[in-house]
Amino acid sequence: MWFKIRLAIYGTTALAGIIWPFYFIIQFINLVRNGNIQGSAIDIGNAFFDDAWITPTSGFISADRAVLLVAIFIFYGAEGKRLKLRFWGIYFPLTFIISLAFSFGTFMFIRELEINKEINETD
């Protein structure tokens, strides 16, 4: 029972990790389209990343996430190798292509499946 609950939580986290961050990406794209953010593609890209540090609050969240990212990447490698997960390295680029919430939720979902598979094989 707890296995299914954990899978539901991790799956929901992964799904929310696509939907919620991309909601804000779409808002940023709309700002660019409406002319609120102007300049070359490089200027617009810089504005996107600079805004993550523009206030003390956003700077706190960005710094916290940067440190967390290091720990999660170590976890991906250690757990991926320990459990012999296939394609465990895919979670690194997924973090930057989609979002950390998506890659971590998906990793935990797959990890839970693998752990449960090992438990069932030993029974």
N, C-alpha and C. Protein backbone atom coordinates (compact mmCIF):
# COMPACT_ATOMS: atom_id res chain seq x y z
N MET A 1 0.81 -1.19 0.00
CA MET A 1 0.00 0.00 0.00
C MET A 1 0.86 1.26 0.00
N TRP A 2 1.88 1.32 0.88
CA TRP A 2 2.75 2.50 0.93
C TRP A 2 3.49 2.69 -0.37
N PHE A 3 3.81 1.58 -1.03
CA PHE A 3 4.48 1.64 -2.33
C PHE A 3 3.64 2.43 -3.32
N LYS A 4 2.34 2.13 -3.39
CA LYS A 4 1.46 2.82 -4.32
C LYS A 4 1.27 4.29 -3.95
N ILE A 5 1.24 4.57 -2.67
CA ILE A 5 1.12 5.97 -2.23
C ILE A 5 2.36 6.76 -2.63
N ARG A 6 3.54 6.16 -2.41
CA ARG A 6 4.79 6.83 -2.80
C ARG A 6 4.83 7.03 -4.30
N LEU A 7 4.43 6.02 -5.07
CA LEU A 7 4.40 6.18 -6.52
C LEU A 7 3.47 7.31 -6.94
N ALA A 8 2.32 7.40 -6.31
CA ALA A 8 1.36 8.46 -6.62
C ALA A 8 1.95 9.84 -6.30
N ILE A 9 2.62 9.94 -5.17
CA ILE A 9 3.24 11.22 -4.79
C ILE A 9 4.34 11.59 -5.77
N TYR A 10 5.22 10.65 -6.08
CA TYR A 10 6.32 10.95 -7.01
C TYR A 10 5.79 11.25 -8.41
N GLY A 11 4.80 10.50 -8.86
CA GLY A 11 4.22 10.75 -10.18
C GLY A 11 3.55 12.11 -10.25
N THR A 12 2.83 12.47 -9.19
CA THR A 12 2.18 13.78 -9.13
C THR A 12 3.22 14.90 -9.10
N THR A 13 4.28 14.69 -8.36
CA THR A 13 5.36 15.67 -8.31
C THR A 13 5.98 15.87 -9.69
N ALA A 14 6.22 14.78 -10.40
CA ALA A 14 6.80 14.88 -11.74
C ALA A 14 5.85 15.63 -12.68
N LEU A 15 4.58 15.30 -12.62
CA LEU A 15 3.59 15.98 -13.47
C LEU A 15 3.51 17.46 -13.13
N ALA A 16 3.44 17.78 -11.84
CA ALA A 16 3.41 19.18 -11.42
C ALA A 16 4.71 19.90 -11.81
N GLY A 17 5.82 19.14 -11.85
CA GLY A 17 7.11 19.69 -12.23
C GLY A 17 7.20 20.06 -13.70
N ILE A 18 6.27 19.61 -14.49
CA ILE A 18 6.17 20.06 -15.88
C ILE A 18 5.19 21.23 -15.97
N ILE A 19 4.03 21.06 -15.37
CA ILE A 19 2.94 22.03 -15.55
C ILE A 19 3.24 23.37 -14.88
N TRP A 20 3.58 23.36 -13.61
CA TRP A 20 3.72 24.61 -12.88
C TRP A 20 4.89 25.46 -13.37
N PRO A 21 6.10 24.91 -13.54
CA PRO A 21 7.19 25.74 -14.07
C PRO A 21 6.90 26.28 -15.48
N PHE A 22 6.27 25.46 -16.32
CA PHE A 22 6.01 25.92 -17.68
C PHE A 22 4.91 26.98 -17.73
N TYR A 23 4.07 27.02 -16.73
CA TYR A 23 3.10 28.11 -16.61
C TYR A 23 3.85 29.45 -16.54
N PHE A 24 4.92 29.50 -15.76
CA PHE A 24 5.71 30.72 -15.63
C PHE A 24 6.58 30.98 -16.86
N ILE A 25 7.04 29.93 -17.50
CA ILE A 25 7.79 30.12 -18.76
C ILE A 25 6.88 30.76 -19.80
N ILE A 26 5.66 30.30 -19.87
CA ILE A 26 4.69 30.87 -20.82
C ILE A 26 4.43 32.34 -20.49
N GLN A 27 4.34 32.67 -19.21
CA GLN A 27 4.18 34.07 -18.84
C GLN A 27 5.36 34.91 -19.29
N PHE A 28 6.57 34.39 -19.14
CA PHE A 28 7.77 35.10 -19.59
C PHE A 28 7.74 35.28 -21.10
N ILE A 29 7.37 34.24 -21.82
CA ILE A 29 7.28 34.32 -23.29
C ILE A 29 6.27 35.39 -23.70
N ASN A 30 5.15 35.45 -22.98
CA ASN A 30 4.14 36.48 -23.28
C ASN A 30 4.67 37.88 -23.02
N LEU A 31 5.49 38.06 -21.99
CA LEU A 31 6.11 39.36 -21.75
C LEU A 31 7.00 39.77 -22.92
N VAL A 32 7.75 38.81 -23.44
CA VAL A 32 8.61 39.08 -24.58
C VAL A 32 7.76 39.42 -25.81
N ARG A 33 6.73 38.64 -26.07
CA ARG A 33 5.85 38.88 -27.23
C ARG A 33 5.16 40.24 -27.15
N ASN A 34 4.77 40.64 -25.94
CA ASN A 34 4.08 41.92 -25.77
C ASN A 34 5.02 43.11 -25.77
N GLY A 35 6.31 42.85 -25.87
CA GLY A 35 7.29 43.93 -25.91
C GLY A 35 7.73 44.44 -24.55
N ASN A 36 7.28 43.81 -23.48
CA ASN A 36 7.69 44.24 -22.14
C ASN A 36 9.16 43.93 -21.87
N ILE A 37 9.68 42.93 -22.53
CA ILE A 37 11.11 42.60 -22.46
C ILE A 37 11.60 42.62 -23.89
N GLN A 38 12.60 43.46 -24.13
CA GLN A 38 13.08 43.64 -25.50
C GLN A 38 14.57 43.41 -25.58
N GLY A 39 15.04 43.21 -26.80
CA GLY A 39 16.46 43.03 -27.04
C GLY A 39 16.71 41.80 -27.89
N SER A 40 17.98 41.49 -28.03
CA SER A 40 18.36 40.31 -28.79
C SER A 40 18.01 39.05 -28.00
N ALA A 41 18.13 37.92 -28.64
CA ALA A 41 17.86 36.65 -27.96
C ALA A 41 18.77 36.49 -26.74
N ILE A 42 20.01 36.96 -26.86
CA ILE A 42 20.96 36.87 -25.75
C ILE A 42 20.50 37.77 -24.60
N ASP A 43 20.05 39.00 -24.93
CA ASP A 43 19.56 39.91 -23.90
C ASP A 43 18.35 39.33 -23.18
N ILE A 44 17.46 38.72 -23.95
CA ILE A 44 16.25 38.14 -23.37
C ILE A 44 16.62 36.95 -22.47
N GLY A 45 17.54 36.12 -22.94
CA GLY A 45 18.02 35.01 -22.11
C GLY A 45 18.67 35.48 -20.83
N ASN A 46 19.48 36.55 -20.94
CA ASN A 46 20.10 37.11 -19.74
C ASN A 46 19.06 37.66 -18.78
N ALA A 47 18.02 38.30 -19.32
CA ALA A 47 16.95 38.83 -18.47
C ALA A 47 16.26 37.69 -17.72
N PHE A 48 16.04 36.59 -18.40
CA PHE A 48 15.39 35.44 -17.76
C PHE A 48 16.20 34.96 -16.56
N PHE A 49 17.49 34.78 -16.72
CA PHE A 49 18.32 34.27 -15.63
C PHE A 49 18.64 35.34 -14.59
N ASP A 50 18.79 36.60 -15.04
CA ASP A 50 19.05 37.68 -14.08
C ASP A 50 17.88 37.88 -13.12
N ASP A 51 16.67 37.69 -13.62
CA ASP A 51 15.49 37.88 -12.77
C ASP A 51 15.45 36.90 -11.61
N ALA A 52 16.13 35.77 -11.74
CA ALA A 52 16.17 34.79 -10.66
C ALA A 52 16.93 35.32 -9.45
N TRP A 53 17.72 36.38 -9.65
CA TRP A 53 18.55 36.93 -8.57
C TRP A 53 18.21 38.39 -8.27
N ILE A 54 17.15 38.91 -8.85
CA ILE A 54 16.88 40.35 -8.82
C ILE A 54 16.46 40.88 -7.45
N THR A 55 15.79 40.09 -6.65
CA THR A 55 15.38 40.52 -5.31
C THR A 55 16.01 39.57 -4.28
N PRO A 56 16.08 40.00 -3.03
CA PRO A 56 16.60 39.09 -2.01
C PRO A 56 15.78 37.80 -1.91
N THR A 57 14.48 37.89 -2.11
CA THR A 57 13.64 36.69 -2.03
C THR A 57 13.96 35.73 -3.17
N SER A 58 14.01 36.24 -4.40
CA SER A 58 14.31 35.36 -5.53
C SER A 58 15.75 34.87 -5.45
N GLY A 59 16.65 35.70 -4.93
CA GLY A 59 18.04 35.27 -4.74
C GLY A 59 18.15 34.14 -3.74
N PHE A 60 17.37 34.23 -2.65
CA PHE A 60 17.35 33.16 -1.65
C PHE A 60 16.90 31.85 -2.29
N ILE A 61 15.81 31.90 -3.04
CA ILE A 61 15.27 30.69 -3.67
C ILE A 61 16.26 30.14 -4.69
N SER A 62 16.89 31.01 -5.45
CA SER A 62 17.86 30.56 -6.45
C SER A 62 19.10 29.94 -5.80
N ALA A 63 19.59 30.57 -4.74
CA ALA A 63 20.77 30.03 -4.04
C ALA A 63 20.44 28.69 -3.39
N ASP A 64 19.29 28.62 -2.76
CA ASP A 64 18.86 27.38 -2.12
C ASP A 64 18.74 26.26 -3.15
N ARG A 65 18.16 26.57 -4.28
CA ARG A 65 17.99 25.57 -5.34
C ARG A 65 19.34 25.15 -5.93
N ALA A 66 20.27 26.08 -6.07
CA ALA A 66 21.59 25.75 -6.62
C ALA A 66 22.32 24.76 -5.73
N VAL A 67 22.26 24.98 -4.41
CA VAL A 67 22.92 24.06 -3.47
C VAL A 67 22.19 22.72 -3.49
N LEU A 68 20.87 22.74 -3.49
CA LEU A 68 20.09 21.51 -3.55
C LEU A 68 20.41 20.72 -4.81
N LEU A 69 20.62 21.41 -5.91
CA LEU A 69 20.93 20.76 -7.18
C LEU A 69 22.20 19.91 -7.08
N VAL A 70 23.21 20.41 -6.40
CA VAL A 70 24.45 19.64 -6.23
C VAL A 70 24.15 18.35 -5.47
N ALA A 71 23.41 18.45 -4.37
CA ALA A 71 23.09 17.26 -3.58
C ALA A 71 22.24 16.27 -4.38
N ILE A 72 21.29 16.77 -5.13
CA ILE A 72 20.43 15.88 -5.92
C ILE A 72 21.24 15.20 -7.02
N PHE A 73 22.15 15.91 -7.67
CA PHE A 73 22.97 15.29 -8.70
C PHE A 73 23.85 14.18 -8.12
N ILE A 74 24.39 14.39 -6.94
CA ILE A 74 25.16 13.33 -6.28
C ILE A 74 24.25 12.15 -5.98
N PHE A 75 23.05 12.43 -5.50
CA PHE A 75 22.07 11.38 -5.22
C PHE A 75 21.72 10.59 -6.49
N TYR A 76 21.49 11.30 -7.61
CA TYR A 76 21.21 10.61 -8.88
C TYR A 76 22.30 9.60 -9.20
N GLY A 77 23.54 10.06 -9.12
CA GLY A 77 24.65 9.18 -9.46
C GLY A 77 24.80 8.02 -8.49
N ALA A 78 24.75 8.31 -7.21
CA ALA A 78 24.94 7.26 -6.20
C ALA A 78 23.82 6.23 -6.26
N GLU A 79 22.58 6.68 -6.27
CA GLU A 79 21.44 5.75 -6.31
C GLU A 79 21.32 5.06 -7.66
N GLY A 80 21.59 5.79 -8.72
CA GLY A 80 21.53 5.19 -10.05
C GLY A 80 22.49 4.02 -10.20
N LYS A 81 23.71 4.21 -9.70
CA LYS A 81 24.71 3.14 -9.76
C LYS A 81 24.38 2.03 -8.77
N ARG A 82 23.98 2.39 -7.55
CA ARG A 82 23.68 1.38 -6.52
C ARG A 82 22.56 0.45 -6.96
N LEU A 83 21.51 1.03 -7.53
CA LEU A 83 20.36 0.23 -7.94
C LEU A 83 20.47 -0.27 -9.38
N LYS A 84 21.57 0.11 -10.04
CA LYS A 84 21.80 -0.27 -11.45
C LYS A 84 20.62 0.16 -12.32
N LEU A 85 20.19 1.43 -12.12
CA LEU A 85 19.10 1.96 -12.92
C LEU A 85 19.57 2.22 -14.34
N ARG A 86 18.74 1.81 -15.28
CA ARG A 86 19.05 2.10 -16.68
C ARG A 86 18.84 3.59 -16.93
N PHE A 87 19.69 4.18 -17.71
CA PHE A 87 19.56 5.58 -18.14
C PHE A 87 19.53 6.57 -16.98
N TRP A 88 20.18 6.26 -15.85
CA TRP A 88 20.12 7.17 -14.72
C TRP A 88 20.73 8.53 -15.05
N GLY A 89 21.61 8.60 -16.00
CA GLY A 89 22.25 9.87 -16.38
C GLY A 89 21.32 10.83 -17.11
N ILE A 90 20.17 10.36 -17.59
CA ILE A 90 19.25 11.20 -18.33
C ILE A 90 18.64 12.29 -17.44
N TYR A 91 18.65 12.07 -16.13
CA TYR A 91 18.02 13.03 -15.22
C TYR A 91 18.81 14.33 -15.11
N PHE A 92 20.10 14.31 -15.41
CA PHE A 92 20.90 15.54 -15.40
C PHE A 92 20.39 16.52 -16.46
N PRO A 93 20.34 16.14 -17.74
CA PRO A 93 19.84 17.10 -18.73
C PRO A 93 18.35 17.42 -18.58
N LEU A 94 17.57 16.44 -18.11
CA LEU A 94 16.13 16.72 -17.91
C LEU A 94 15.91 17.83 -16.89
N THR A 95 16.82 17.94 -15.94
CA THR A 95 16.73 19.00 -14.94
C THR A 95 16.77 20.37 -15.60
N PHE A 96 17.61 20.52 -16.62
CA PHE A 96 17.77 21.83 -17.26
C PHE A 96 16.82 22.01 -18.44
N ILE A 97 16.44 20.92 -19.08
CA ILE A 97 15.53 21.01 -20.23
C ILE A 97 14.09 21.21 -19.77
N ILE A 98 13.69 20.49 -18.72
CA ILE A 98 12.30 20.58 -18.26
C ILE A 98 12.27 21.30 -16.91
N SER A 99 12.63 20.62 -15.84
CA SER A 99 12.71 21.26 -14.52
C SER A 99 13.27 20.28 -13.51
N LEU A 100 13.79 20.83 -12.42
CA LEU A 100 14.29 20.00 -11.33
C LEU A 100 13.16 19.19 -10.71
N ALA A 101 12.00 19.81 -10.53
CA ALA A 101 10.86 19.11 -9.94
C ALA A 101 10.46 17.90 -10.79
N PHE A 102 10.48 18.06 -12.10
CA PHE A 102 10.15 16.95 -12.99
C PHE A 102 11.20 15.85 -12.91
N SER A 103 12.47 16.22 -13.06
CA SER A 103 13.52 15.19 -13.08
C SER A 103 13.60 14.45 -11.75
N PHE A 104 13.47 15.17 -10.64
CA PHE A 104 13.57 14.51 -9.34
C PHE A 104 12.35 13.63 -9.07
N GLY A 105 11.16 14.13 -9.38
CA GLY A 105 9.96 13.31 -9.21
C GLY A 105 10.00 12.05 -10.05
N THR A 106 10.47 12.19 -11.29
CA THR A 106 10.57 11.04 -12.19
C THR A 106 11.63 10.06 -11.69
N PHE A 107 12.78 10.59 -11.25
CA PHE A 107 13.83 9.73 -10.72
C PHE A 107 13.32 8.94 -9.52
N MET A 108 12.64 9.61 -8.61
CA MET A 108 12.13 8.93 -7.42
C MET A 108 11.07 7.90 -7.79
N PHE A 109 10.25 8.17 -8.79
CA PHE A 109 9.25 7.22 -9.26
C PHE A 109 9.93 5.95 -9.79
N ILE A 110 10.91 6.13 -10.67
CA ILE A 110 11.63 4.99 -11.25
C ILE A 110 12.40 4.25 -10.15
N ARG A 111 13.01 4.99 -9.24
CA ARG A 111 13.75 4.39 -8.13
C ARG A 111 12.82 3.52 -7.28
N GLU A 112 11.64 4.03 -6.99
CA GLU A 112 10.67 3.29 -6.19
C GLU A 112 10.25 2.00 -6.90
N LEU A 113 10.03 2.09 -8.21
CA LEU A 113 9.70 0.88 -8.98
C LEU A 113 10.82 -0.15 -8.88
N GLU A 114 12.05 0.30 -9.00
CA GLU A 114 13.20 -0.61 -8.95
C GLU A 114 13.35 -1.24 -7.57
N ILE A 115 13.22 -0.46 -6.53
CA ILE A 115 13.32 -0.99 -5.17
C ILE A 115 12.22 -2.02 -4.93
N ASN A 116 11.00 -1.72 -5.36
CA ASN A 116 9.90 -2.65 -5.16
C ASN A 116 10.10 -3.93 -5.99
N LYS A 117 10.69 -3.78 -7.18
CA LYS A 117 10.97 -4.95 -8.01
C LYS A 117 11.97 -5.88 -7.30
N GLU A 118 13.01 -5.29 -6.69
CA GLU A 118 14.01 -6.07 -5.96
C GLU A 118 13.38 -6.76 -4.76
N ILE A 119 12.50 -6.08 -4.07
CA ILE A 119 11.83 -6.68 -2.89
C ILE A 119 10.95 -7.86 -3.32
N ASN A 120 10.22 -7.70 -4.42
CA ASN A 120 9.35 -8.78 -4.91
C ASN A 120 10.15 -9.97 -5.43
N GLU A 121 11.35 -9.71 -5.98
CA GLU A 121 12.18 -10.80 -6.49
C GLU A 121 12.77 -11.64 -5.36
N THR A 122 12.97 -11.02 -4.19
CA THR A 122 13.55 -11.77 -3.06
C THR A 122 12.49 -12.53 -2.26
N ASP A 123 11.22 -12.22 -2.48
CA ASP A 123 10.14 -12.94 -1.75
C ASP A 123 9.90 -14.32 -2.30
